[in-house]
Amino acid sequence: MCVKAFSRNRRQCHCIHTSAVFHPRACLRWLAAATVLAVSAGLFVGGALPVAVGLFTPPWDLLAHASVFTVIGVTSGVASGARGWHLLMFCLVGAVAVGAMDELHQLRLPGRSADLNDLAADAVGGLLGSFLLGSAYRWVDGKPWADRWRPAR
């Protein structure tokens, strides 16, 4: 976006570029990053409360992990601004990183325990998030399903 600004003598016209921070895509990326931080903080703060012990019984706890980390995967993918295989990696790494920190945090909490099955459900949520976000991007871009994971040119 370019805003015209005139000099004092009005003979020269300068083009002042506005900040790219206020571009709609950049605002969406910042909002997605804030959502990742908010959901992560909610996991850590809410997981430390005594009510969190036994909140979900097996196997429903794995479904809860997968659904929360699908949101984390989608928002970390949007925050990255990546497409193609890079999108898959950002969604997966974002979900697994937050999941690993959450499981390490649970080691210190009374009544809670870390479990590799929970971390695997977190990874499945990240993969599901990358699939959903990639599908949404391809639907918006109008590209066929077969080209879903090819990088955008």
Protein backbone atom coordinates (compact mmCIF):
# COMPACT_ATOMS: atom_id res chain seq x y z
CA MET A 1 0.00 0.00 0.00
CA CYS A 2 1.40 3.35 -0.97
CA VAL A 3 0.44 6.68 0.55
CA LYS A 4 1.25 9.79 -1.43
CA ALA A 5 2.97 12.54 0.50
CA PHE A 6 3.96 15.90 -0.89
CA SER A 7 7.06 17.84 0.03
CA ARG A 8 6.84 21.42 1.27
CA ASN A 9 7.25 22.97 -2.12
CA ARG A 10 4.68 20.52 -3.61
CA ARG A 11 6.80 19.97 -6.69
CA GLN A 12 7.96 16.52 -5.70
CA CYS A 13 5.67 13.66 -4.78
CA HIS A 14 7.10 10.96 -2.56
CA CYS A 15 5.66 7.53 -2.05
CA ILE A 16 5.68 6.44 1.57
CA HIS A 17 5.20 2.71 2.02
CA THR A 18 3.10 1.84 5.00
CA SER A 19 4.27 -0.84 7.35
CA ALA A 20 3.82 -4.44 6.25
CA VAL A 21 2.70 -5.28 9.80
CA PHE A 22 -0.78 -3.96 9.03
CA HIS A 23 -1.23 -6.04 5.90
CA PRO A 24 -4.25 -8.38 6.34
CA ARG A 25 -2.15 -11.53 5.91
CA ALA A 26 0.41 -10.28 8.40
CA CYS A 27 -2.35 -9.47 10.88
CA LEU A 28 -3.75 -12.97 10.43
CA ARG A 29 -0.32 -14.46 11.04
CA TRP A 30 0.13 -12.40 14.21
CA LEU A 31 -3.32 -13.43 15.40
CA ALA A 32 -2.48 -17.09 14.76
CA ALA A 33 0.79 -16.77 16.69
CA ALA A 34 -1.08 -15.17 19.59
CA THR A 35 -3.57 -18.05 19.47
CA VAL A 36 -0.76 -20.61 19.68
CA LEU A 37 0.63 -18.80 22.72
CA ALA A 38 -2.81 -18.47 24.35
CA VAL A 39 -3.72 -22.13 23.86
CA SER A 40 -0.28 -23.20 25.10
CA ALA A 41 -0.59 -20.99 28.16
CA GLY A 42 -4.06 -22.40 28.77
CA LEU A 43 -2.63 -25.92 28.65
CA PHE A 44 0.09 -25.13 31.15
CA VAL A 45 -2.04 -23.09 33.54
CA GLY A 46 -5.14 -25.25 33.26
CA GLY A 47 -3.12 -28.45 33.45
CA ALA A 48 -1.62 -27.39 36.76
CA LEU A 49 -5.03 -27.05 38.44
CA PRO A 50 -6.20 -29.94 40.64
CA VAL A 51 -9.39 -30.30 38.59
CA ALA A 52 -7.28 -31.37 35.58
CA VAL A 53 -6.39 -34.68 37.26
CA GLY A 54 -8.65 -37.31 35.71
CA LEU A 55 -10.65 -34.78 33.70
CA PHE A 56 -10.77 -37.08 30.66
CA THR A 57 -10.78 -40.84 31.03
CA PRO A 58 -8.99 -43.12 28.57
CA PRO A 59 -9.45 -43.33 25.56
CA TRP A 60 -11.20 -39.93 25.48
CA ASP A 61 -8.06 -38.19 26.69
CA LEU A 62 -6.34 -39.07 23.40
CA LEU A 63 -9.24 -37.54 21.47
CA ALA A 64 -8.96 -34.40 23.61
CA HIS A 65 -5.20 -34.24 22.92
CA ALA A 66 -5.70 -34.70 19.17
CA SER A 67 -8.40 -32.03 18.97
CA VAL A 68 -6.49 -29.40 20.97
CA PHE A 69 -3.30 -30.06 19.05
CA THR A 70 -5.16 -29.88 15.74
CA VAL A 71 -5.92 -26.27 16.69
CA ILE A 72 -2.28 -25.73 17.65
CA GLY A 73 -1.14 -27.30 14.37
CA VAL A 74 -3.45 -25.16 12.26
CA THR A 75 -2.55 -21.93 14.03
CA SER A 76 1.19 -22.63 13.96
CA GLY A 77 0.89 -23.34 10.24
CA VAL A 78 -0.98 -20.09 9.64
CA ALA A 79 1.54 -18.20 11.77
CA SER A 80 4.42 -19.61 9.70
CA GLY A 81 2.97 -18.46 6.39
CA ALA A 82 4.42 -21.59 4.76
CA ARG A 83 2.90 -23.69 1.99
CA GLY A 84 3.49 -27.22 0.72
CA TRP A 85 5.78 -29.54 2.67
CA HIS A 86 7.00 -26.65 4.77
CA LEU A 87 3.44 -26.22 6.02
CA LEU A 88 3.34 -29.87 7.06
CA MET A 89 6.58 -29.49 8.98
CA PHE A 90 5.54 -26.28 10.75
CA CYS A 91 2.21 -27.77 11.82
CA LEU A 92 3.78 -31.01 13.00
CA VAL A 93 6.79 -29.45 14.73
CA GLY A 94 4.63 -26.79 16.38
CA ALA A 95 2.21 -29.37 17.77
CA VAL A 96 4.92 -31.82 18.89
CA ALA A 97 7.02 -29.06 20.50
CA VAL A 98 4.10 -27.77 22.57
CA GLY A 99 3.07 -31.36 23.33
CA ALA A 100 6.56 -32.29 24.52
CA MET A 101 6.70 -29.23 26.75
CA ASP A 102 3.28 -30.12 28.13
CA GLU A 103 4.32 -33.70 28.86
CA LEU A 104 7.52 -32.51 30.56
CA HIS A 105 5.45 -30.08 32.60
CA GLN A 106 3.17 -32.93 33.67
CA LEU A 107 6.15 -34.80 35.14
CA ARG A 108 6.35 -32.20 37.92
CA LEU A 109 2.64 -32.04 38.71
CA PRO A 110 1.12 -34.21 41.46
CA GLY A 111 -1.44 -36.68 40.15
CA ARG A 112 -0.35 -36.18 36.54
CA SER A 113 1.98 -38.31 34.46
CA ALA A 114 3.69 -37.96 31.10
CA ASP A 115 2.72 -40.50 28.47
CA LEU A 116 4.12 -41.22 25.03
CA ASN A 117 0.61 -42.07 23.83
CA ASP A 118 -0.39 -38.49 24.61
CA LEU A 119 2.58 -37.20 22.63
CA ALA A 120 1.61 -39.48 19.73
CA ALA A 121 -1.95 -38.09 19.88
CA ASP A 122 -0.44 -34.59 19.80
CA ALA A 123 1.50 -35.52 16.65
CA VAL A 124 -1.66 -36.94 15.06
CA GLY A 125 -3.40 -33.66 15.88
CA GLY A 126 -0.58 -31.72 14.22
CA LEU A 127 -0.81 -33.90 11.10
CA LEU A 128 -4.58 -33.49 11.02
CA GLY A 129 -4.13 -29.74 11.38
CA SER A 130 -1.66 -29.65 8.46
CA PHE A 131 -4.07 -31.66 6.31
CA LEU A 132 -7.00 -29.37 7.17
CA LEU A 133 -4.99 -26.20 6.61
CA GLY A 134 -3.46 -27.50 3.37
CA SER A 135 -6.95 -28.44 2.16
CA ALA A 136 -8.26 -24.99 3.04
CA TYR A 137 -5.37 -23.30 1.24
CA ARG A 138 -5.87 -25.45 -1.86
CA TRP A 139 -9.61 -24.84 -1.82
CA VAL A 140 -9.05 -21.07 -1.61
CA ASP A 141 -6.37 -21.21 -4.31
CA GLY A 142 -8.58 -23.41 -6.51
CA LYS A 143 -5.96 -26.12 -7.06
CA PRO A 144 -6.82 -29.81 -7.41
CA TRP A 145 -6.47 -32.24 -4.54
CA ALA A 146 -3.61 -34.16 -6.22
CA ASP A 147 -1.37 -31.07 -6.02
CA ARG A 148 -2.11 -30.58 -2.34
CA TRP A 149 1.42 -30.99 -0.95
CA ARG A 150 3.41 -29.48 -3.77
CA PRO A 151 5.01 -26.17 -2.85
CA ALA A 152 3.29 -23.07 -4.19
CA ARG A 153 5.20 -21.31 -6.95
